[in-house]
Amino acid sequence: MKALHLLKFVMVKTRILIVCGLLIPCGVIHAMTMAPEITAYLSSGSVTEFGTLTGTSAQVTGFTDFVKGNWNAILNDLDTVAPDERRQRLLICAAESLSPSDYMDFLALLLDKHQENKVKKAVAIAALSPAARKYGFLAFNDQHPQVRALCERAKTIFADVADLQDLMNETLSGEQRKQIGAALASENRAQPEILPTP
């Protein structure tokens, strides 16, 4: 309330102070700066049909570490870092290296950015069905409240995508866990990480 009285006082006394007051809280937004090797990888890297990153071990590790350490800033500066679908696919692939909790936060923010028209629709949908390190992650965490909320949100956002509707419904029902569990067992692959209990 005191701030409102101050604003009224400022409005009465002078218009210049109002302009200054509005400029200070806004601040200046700077584009994210990246090392040359990260910029080079964003320009040349790609994702294989198996959902893994291409490149040398050093390139993949460097890029993955960059995403792990900066995923929030990256998603908040997609116009600079990854404005197109190819580069956004690199990000979602590298993000599969995040911890389970960070990965859930990443997916939630990714959907936010899709709704702001910053993330391509195909990329947002692909992120909800990871193919490599987080394969089966949502399915094996299907009882976790964060996963359930994310699936319901995805169903609302992508109401026109029948395949995604089916995937989210099968995840929520536990059917995906059964199917993926059988596939992982037949391939001698480890089960995905489990989110901490809330």
C-alpha atoms as a PDB file:
ATOM      1  CA  MET A   1       0.000   0.000   0.000  1.00  0.00           C
ATOM      2  CA  LYS A   2       2.895   2.322   0.815  1.00  0.00           C
ATOM      3  CA  ALA A   3       4.273   1.764  -2.689  1.00  0.00           C
ATOM      4  CA  LEU A   4       0.915   2.745  -4.169  1.00  0.00           C
ATOM      5  CA  HIS A   5       0.908   6.011  -2.186  1.00  0.00           C
ATOM      6  CA  LEU A   6       4.479   6.664  -3.296  1.00  0.00           C
ATOM      7  CA  LEU A   7       3.500   6.047  -6.909  1.00  0.00           C
ATOM      8  CA  LYS A   8       0.588   8.484  -6.602  1.00  0.00           C
ATOM      9  CA  PHE A   9       2.944  11.048  -5.062  1.00  0.00           C
ATOM     10  CA  VAL A  10       5.452  10.552  -7.876  1.00  0.00           C
ATOM     11  CA  MET A  11       2.712  10.837 -10.485  1.00  0.00           C
ATOM     12  CA  VAL A  12       1.609  14.149  -9.030  1.00  0.00           C
ATOM     13  CA  LYS A  13       5.115  15.593  -8.664  1.00  0.00           C
ATOM     14  CA  THR A  14       6.750  14.637 -11.936  1.00  0.00           C
ATOM     15  CA  ARG A  15       6.390  12.303 -14.900  1.00  0.00           C
ATOM     16  CA  ILE A  16      10.146  11.820 -15.275  1.00  0.00           C
ATOM     17  CA  LEU A  17      10.356   9.928 -12.003  1.00  0.00           C
ATOM     18  CA  ILE A  18       7.707   7.494 -13.189  1.00  0.00           C
ATOM     19  CA  VAL A  19       9.716   6.700 -16.295  1.00  0.00           C
ATOM     20  CA  CYS A  20      12.857   6.140 -14.227  1.00  0.00           C
ATOM     21  CA  GLY A  21      10.956   3.977 -11.768  1.00  0.00           C
ATOM     22  CA  LEU A  22       9.682   1.779 -14.569  1.00  0.00           C
ATOM     23  CA  LEU A  23      13.055   1.391 -16.211  1.00  0.00           C
ATOM     24  CA  ILE A  24      14.947   0.296 -13.121  1.00  0.00           C
ATOM     25  CA  PRO A  25      12.949  -2.864 -12.320  1.00  0.00           C
ATOM     26  CA  CYS A  26      12.908  -4.002 -15.941  1.00  0.00           C
ATOM     27  CA  GLY A  27      16.670  -4.301 -16.156  1.00  0.00           C
ATOM     28  CA  VAL A  28      18.563  -5.221 -19.298  1.00  0.00           C
ATOM     29  CA  ILE A  29      18.306  -8.718 -20.709  1.00  0.00           C
ATOM     30  CA  HIS A  30      21.521 -10.038 -22.179  1.00  0.00           C
ATOM     31  CA  ALA A  31      21.755 -12.855 -24.688  1.00  0.00           C
ATOM     32  CA  MET A  32      23.497 -15.954 -23.416  1.00  0.00           C
ATOM     33  CA  THR A  33      27.174 -16.196 -24.273  1.00  0.00           C
ATOM     34  CA  MET A  34      28.561 -19.545 -25.337  1.00  0.00           C
ATOM     35  CA  ALA A  35      32.051 -20.960 -25.826  1.00  0.00           C
ATOM     36  CA  PRO A  36      33.069 -21.316 -29.482  1.00  0.00           C
ATOM     37  CA  GLU A  37      32.987 -25.126 -29.292  1.00  0.00           C
ATOM     38  CA  ILE A  38      29.370 -25.013 -28.060  1.00  0.00           C
ATOM     39  CA  THR A  39      28.386 -22.650 -30.872  1.00  0.00           C
ATOM     40  CA  ALA A  40      30.172 -24.925 -33.350  1.00  0.00           C
ATOM     41  CA  TYR A  41      28.381 -27.998 -32.017  1.00  0.00           C
ATOM     42  CA  LEU A  42      25.009 -26.266 -32.219  1.00  0.00           C
ATOM     43  CA  SER A  43      25.824 -25.478 -35.862  1.00  0.00           C
ATOM     44  CA  SER A  44      26.927 -28.989 -36.845  1.00  0.00           C
ATOM     45  CA  GLY A  45      25.564 -31.535 -34.363  1.00  0.00           C
ATOM     46  CA  SER A  46      22.605 -33.796 -34.918  1.00  0.00           C
ATOM     47  CA  VAL A  47      20.590 -36.517 -33.208  1.00  0.00           C
ATOM     48  CA  THR A  48      20.740 -40.119 -34.428  1.00  0.00           C
ATOM     49  CA  GLU A  49      17.660 -42.253 -35.092  1.00  0.00           C
ATOM     50  CA  PHE A  50      18.310 -43.822 -31.659  1.00  0.00           C
ATOM     51  CA  GLY A  51      18.067 -40.461 -29.888  1.00  0.00           C
ATOM     52  CA  THR A  52      21.772 -39.986 -29.208  1.00  0.00           C
ATOM     53  CA  LEU A  53      23.993 -37.042 -30.092  1.00  0.00           C
ATOM     54  CA  THR A  54      26.470 -37.247 -32.975  1.00  0.00           C
ATOM     55  CA  GLY A  55      30.088 -36.155 -32.730  1.00  0.00           C
ATOM     56  CA  THR A  56      33.254 -37.093 -30.898  1.00  0.00           C
ATOM     57  CA  SER A  57      33.127 -38.126 -27.260  1.00  0.00           C
ATOM     58  CA  ALA A  58      34.648 -34.752 -26.294  1.00  0.00           C
ATOM     59  CA  GLN A  59      32.059 -32.819 -28.331  1.00  0.00           C
ATOM     60  CA  VAL A  60      29.128 -34.766 -26.904  1.00  0.00           C
ATOM     61  CA  THR A  61      30.435 -34.518 -23.331  1.00  0.00           C
ATOM     62  CA  GLY A  62      31.155 -30.802 -23.693  1.00  0.00           C
ATOM     63  CA  PHE A  63      27.720 -30.063 -25.089  1.00  0.00           C
ATOM     64  CA  THR A  64      25.925 -32.272 -22.571  1.00  0.00           C
ATOM     65  CA  ASP A  65      27.792 -30.635 -19.684  1.00  0.00           C
ATOM     66  CA  PHE A  66      26.881 -27.210 -21.070  1.00  0.00           C
ATOM     67  CA  VAL A  67      23.188 -28.142 -21.180  1.00  0.00           C
ATOM     68  CA  LYS A  68      23.287 -29.742 -17.724  1.00  0.00           C
ATOM     69  CA  GLY A  69      24.799 -26.606 -16.221  1.00  0.00           C
ATOM     70  CA  ASN A  70      22.677 -24.078 -18.109  1.00  0.00           C
ATOM     71  CA  TRP A  71      19.389 -25.702 -19.121  1.00  0.00           C
ATOM     72  CA  ASN A  72      17.191 -23.075 -17.464  1.00  0.00           C
ATOM     73  CA  ALA A  73      19.090 -20.152 -19.014  1.00  0.00           C
ATOM     74  CA  ILE A  74      19.114 -21.942 -22.375  1.00  0.00           C
ATOM     75  CA  LEU A  75      15.342 -22.418 -22.397  1.00  0.00           C
ATOM     76  CA  ASN A  76      14.912 -18.778 -21.426  1.00  0.00           C
ATOM     77  CA  ASP A  77      17.096 -17.673 -24.347  1.00  0.00           C
ATOM     78  CA  LEU A  78      16.030 -20.010 -27.139  1.00  0.00           C
ATOM     79  CA  ASP A  79      16.022 -17.190 -29.694  1.00  0.00           C
ATOM     80  CA  THR A  80      19.806 -17.051 -29.327  1.00  0.00           C
ATOM     81  CA  VAL A  81      20.767 -20.620 -28.469  1.00  0.00           C
ATOM     82  CA  ALA A  82      18.348 -22.803 -30.413  1.00  0.00           C
ATOM     83  CA  PRO A  83      15.749 -20.986 -32.511  1.00  0.00           C
ATOM     84  CA  ASP A  84      15.189 -23.900 -34.914  1.00  0.00           C
ATOM     85  CA  GLU A  85      13.991 -27.478 -34.611  1.00  0.00           C
ATOM     86  CA  ARG A  86      17.375 -29.155 -35.268  1.00  0.00           C
ATOM     87  CA  ARG A  87      19.126 -27.290 -32.462  1.00  0.00           C
ATOM     88  CA  GLN A  88      16.164 -27.742 -30.119  1.00  0.00           C
ATOM     89  CA  ARG A  89      16.396 -31.498 -30.699  1.00  0.00           C
ATOM     90  CA  LEU A  90      20.050 -31.347 -29.631  1.00  0.00           C
ATOM     91  CA  LEU A  91      18.944 -29.698 -26.385  1.00  0.00           C
ATOM     92  CA  ILE A  92      16.264 -32.236 -25.517  1.00  0.00           C
ATOM     93  CA  CYS A  93      18.673 -35.075 -26.241  1.00  0.00           C
ATOM     94  CA  ALA A  94      21.402 -33.587 -24.014  1.00  0.00           C
ATOM     95  CA  ALA A  95      18.809 -32.852 -21.313  1.00  0.00           C
ATOM     96  CA  GLU A  96      18.294 -36.594 -20.875  1.00  0.00           C
ATOM     97  CA  SER A  97      21.512 -36.451 -18.821  1.00  0.00           C
ATOM     98  CA  LEU A  98      19.852 -34.265 -16.185  1.00  0.00           C
ATOM     99  CA  SER A  99      18.976 -35.623 -12.755  1.00  0.00           C
ATOM    100  CA  PRO A 100      15.392 -36.917 -12.511  1.00  0.00           C
ATOM    101  CA  SER A 101      14.161 -33.811 -10.652  1.00  0.00           C
ATOM    102  CA  ASP A 102      15.918 -31.382 -13.001  1.00  0.00           C
ATOM    103  CA  TYR A 103      14.604 -33.329 -15.979  1.00  0.00           C
ATOM    104  CA  MET A 104      11.031 -32.892 -14.789  1.00  0.00           C
ATOM    105  CA  ASP A 105      11.639 -29.153 -14.325  1.00  0.00           C
ATOM    106  CA  PHE A 106      13.198 -29.057 -17.801  1.00  0.00           C
ATOM    107  CA  LEU A 107      10.134 -30.723 -19.365  1.00  0.00           C
ATOM    108  CA  ALA A 108       7.747 -28.365 -17.558  1.00  0.00           C
ATOM    109  CA  LEU A 109       9.673 -25.288 -18.728  1.00  0.00           C
ATOM    110  CA  LEU A 110       9.947 -26.748 -22.234  1.00  0.00           C
ATOM    111  CA  LEU A 111       6.148 -26.953 -22.371  1.00  0.00           C
ATOM    112  CA  ASP A 112       5.951 -23.357 -21.106  1.00  0.00           C
ATOM    113  CA  LYS A 113       8.256 -22.291 -23.931  1.00  0.00           C
ATOM    114  CA  HIS A 114       6.201 -24.243 -26.468  1.00  0.00           C
ATOM    115  CA  GLN A 115       3.111 -22.362 -25.309  1.00  0.00           C
ATOM    116  CA  GLU A 116       5.073 -19.120 -25.824  1.00  0.00           C
ATOM    117  CA  ASN A 117       5.819 -20.306 -29.405  1.00  0.00           C
ATOM    118  CA  LYS A 118       9.543 -20.631 -28.643  1.00  0.00           C
ATOM    119  CA  VAL A 119       9.748 -24.451 -28.855  1.00  0.00           C
ATOM    120  CA  LYS A 120       8.617 -26.225 -32.001  1.00  0.00           C
ATOM    121  CA  LYS A 121       5.621 -28.539 -31.601  1.00  0.00           C
ATOM    122  CA  ALA A 122       7.488 -31.594 -32.914  1.00  0.00           C
ATOM    123  CA  VAL A 123      10.297 -30.987 -30.412  1.00  0.00           C
ATOM    124  CA  ALA A 124       7.964 -30.640 -27.439  1.00  0.00           C
ATOM    125  CA  ILE A 125       6.181 -33.855 -28.419  1.00  0.00           C
ATOM    126  CA  ALA A 126       9.485 -35.704 -28.924  1.00  0.00           C
ATOM    127  CA  ALA A 127      10.678 -34.603 -25.474  1.00  0.00           C
ATOM    128  CA  LEU A 128       7.681 -36.379 -23.930  1.00  0.00           C
ATOM    129  CA  SER A 129       8.861 -39.680 -25.411  1.00  0.00           C
ATOM    130  CA  PRO A 130      12.639 -39.799 -24.887  1.00  0.00           C
ATOM    131  CA  ALA A 131      14.488 -42.482 -26.821  1.00  0.00           C
ATOM    132  CA  ALA A 132      17.913 -42.739 -25.179  1.00  0.00           C
ATOM    133  CA  ARG A 133      18.989 -42.254 -21.550  1.00  0.00           C
ATOM    134  CA  LYS A 134      15.514 -41.331 -20.295  1.00  0.00           C
ATOM    135  CA  TYR A 135      13.717 -44.016 -22.313  1.00  0.00           C
ATOM    136  CA  GLY A 136      10.755 -45.100 -20.192  1.00  0.00           C
ATOM    137  CA  PHE A 137      11.361 -42.421 -17.572  1.00  0.00           C
ATOM    138  CA  LEU A 138       7.810 -41.071 -17.504  1.00  0.00           C
ATOM    139  CA  ALA A 139       6.345 -44.580 -17.649  1.00  0.00           C
ATOM    140  CA  PHE A 140       8.397 -45.846 -14.700  1.00  0.00           C
ATOM    141  CA  ASN A 141       7.488 -42.758 -12.683  1.00  0.00           C
ATOM    142  CA  ASP A 142       3.808 -42.883 -13.628  1.00  0.00           C
ATOM    143  CA  GLN A 143       2.584 -42.665 -10.019  1.00  0.00           C
ATOM    144  CA  HIS A 144       4.643 -39.563  -9.186  1.00  0.00           C
ATOM    145  CA  PRO A 145       2.456 -36.428  -8.897  1.00  0.00           C
ATOM    146  CA  GLN A 146       4.809 -34.356 -11.072  1.00  0.00           C
ATOM    147  CA  VAL A 147       4.699 -36.923 -13.870  1.00  0.00           C
ATOM    148  CA  ARG A 148       0.929 -37.260 -13.666  1.00  0.00           C
ATOM    149  CA  ALA A 149       0.518 -33.470 -13.795  1.00  0.00           C
ATOM    150  CA  LEU A 150       2.912 -33.219 -16.764  1.00  0.00           C
ATOM    151  CA  CYS A 151       1.023 -35.939 -18.663  1.00  0.00           C
ATOM    152  CA  GLU A 152      -2.320 -34.259 -18.037  1.00  0.00           C
ATOM    153  CA  ARG A 153      -0.883 -30.920 -19.109  1.00  0.00           C
ATOM    154  CA  ALA A 154       0.553 -32.458 -22.293  1.00  0.00           C
ATOM    155  CA  LYS A 155      -2.855 -33.962 -23.091  1.00  0.00           C
ATOM    156  CA  THR A 156      -4.415 -30.506 -22.814  1.00  0.00           C
ATOM    157  CA  ILE A 157      -1.725 -28.726 -24.842  1.00  0.00           C
ATOM    158  CA  PHE A 158      -1.642 -31.355 -27.600  1.00  0.00           C
ATOM    159  CA  ALA A 159      -5.334 -32.267 -27.666  1.00  0.00           C
ATOM    160  CA  ASP A 160      -5.124 -32.548 -31.469  1.00  0.00           C
ATOM    161  CA  VAL A 161      -2.304 -35.142 -31.491  1.00  0.00           C
ATOM    162  CA  ALA A 162      -3.866 -38.605 -31.235  1.00  0.00           C
ATOM    163  CA  ASP A 163      -0.569 -40.493 -30.813  1.00  0.00           C
ATOM    164  CA  LEU A 164       0.465 -38.286 -27.913  1.00  0.00           C
ATOM    165  CA  GLN A 165      -2.961 -38.642 -26.317  1.00  0.00           C
ATOM    166  CA  ASP A 166      -2.558 -42.423 -26.494  1.00  0.00           C
ATOM    167  CA  LEU A 167       0.966 -42.257 -25.068  1.00  0.00           C
ATOM    168  CA  MET A 168      -0.052 -40.040 -22.155  1.00  0.00           C
ATOM    169  CA  ASN A 169      -3.120 -42.196 -21.413  1.00  0.00           C
ATOM    170  CA  GLU A 170      -1.005 -45.368 -21.498  1.00  0.00           C
ATOM    171  CA  THR A 171       1.564 -43.716 -19.232  1.00  0.00           C
ATOM    172  CA  LEU A 172      -1.091 -42.664 -16.733  1.00  0.00           C
ATOM    173  CA  SER A 173      -2.728 -46.117 -16.755  1.00  0.00           C
ATOM    174  CA  GLY A 174       0.556 -47.986 -16.187  1.00  0.00           C
ATOM    175  CA  GLU A 175       0.353 -49.758 -19.550  1.00  0.00           C
ATOM    176  CA  GLN A 176       3.492 -48.013 -20.827  1.00  0.00           C
ATOM    177  CA  ARG A 177       5.450 -49.231 -17.780  1.00  0.00           C
ATOM    178  CA  LYS A 178       4.537 -52.846 -18.635  1.00  0.00           C
ATOM    179  CA  GLN A 179       5.411 -52.484 -22.323  1.00  0.00           C
ATOM    180  CA  ILE A 180       8.673 -50.631 -21.746  1.00  0.00           C
ATOM    181  CA  GLY A 181       9.638 -52.927 -18.880  1.00  0.00           C
ATOM    182  CA  ALA A 182       9.284 -55.934 -21.188  1.00  0.00           C
ATOM    183  CA  ALA A 183      11.288 -54.189 -23.945  1.00  0.00           C
ATOM    184  CA  LEU A 184      14.087 -53.219 -21.549  1.00  0.00           C
ATOM    185  CA  ALA A 185      14.259 -56.748 -20.136  1.00  0.00           C
ATOM    186  CA  SER A 186      14.471 -58.301 -23.613  1.00  0.00           C
ATOM    187  CA  GLU A 187      17.316 -55.914 -24.510  1.00  0.00           C
ATOM    188  CA  ASN A 188      19.119 -56.357 -21.154  1.00  0.00           C
ATOM    189  CA  ARG A 189      18.862 -52.614 -20.529  1.00  0.00           C
ATOM    190  CA  ALA A 190      18.584 -51.012 -17.120  1.00  0.00           C
ATOM    191  CA  GLN A 191      15.315 -49.501 -15.956  1.00  0.00           C
ATOM    192  CA  PRO A 192      15.143 -45.692 -15.943  1.00  0.00           C
ATOM    193  CA  GLU A 193      15.822 -43.583 -12.868  1.00  0.00           C
ATOM    194  CA  ILE A 194      13.064 -43.112 -10.318  1.00  0.00           C
ATOM    195  CA  LEU A 195      12.062 -39.673  -9.051  1.00  0.00           C
ATOM    196  CA  PRO A 196      12.433 -39.046  -5.314  1.00  0.00           C
ATOM    197  CA  THR A 197       9.229 -39.506  -3.367  1.00  0.00           C
ATOM    198  CA  PRO A 198       7.531 -36.120  -2.849  1.00  0.00           C
END
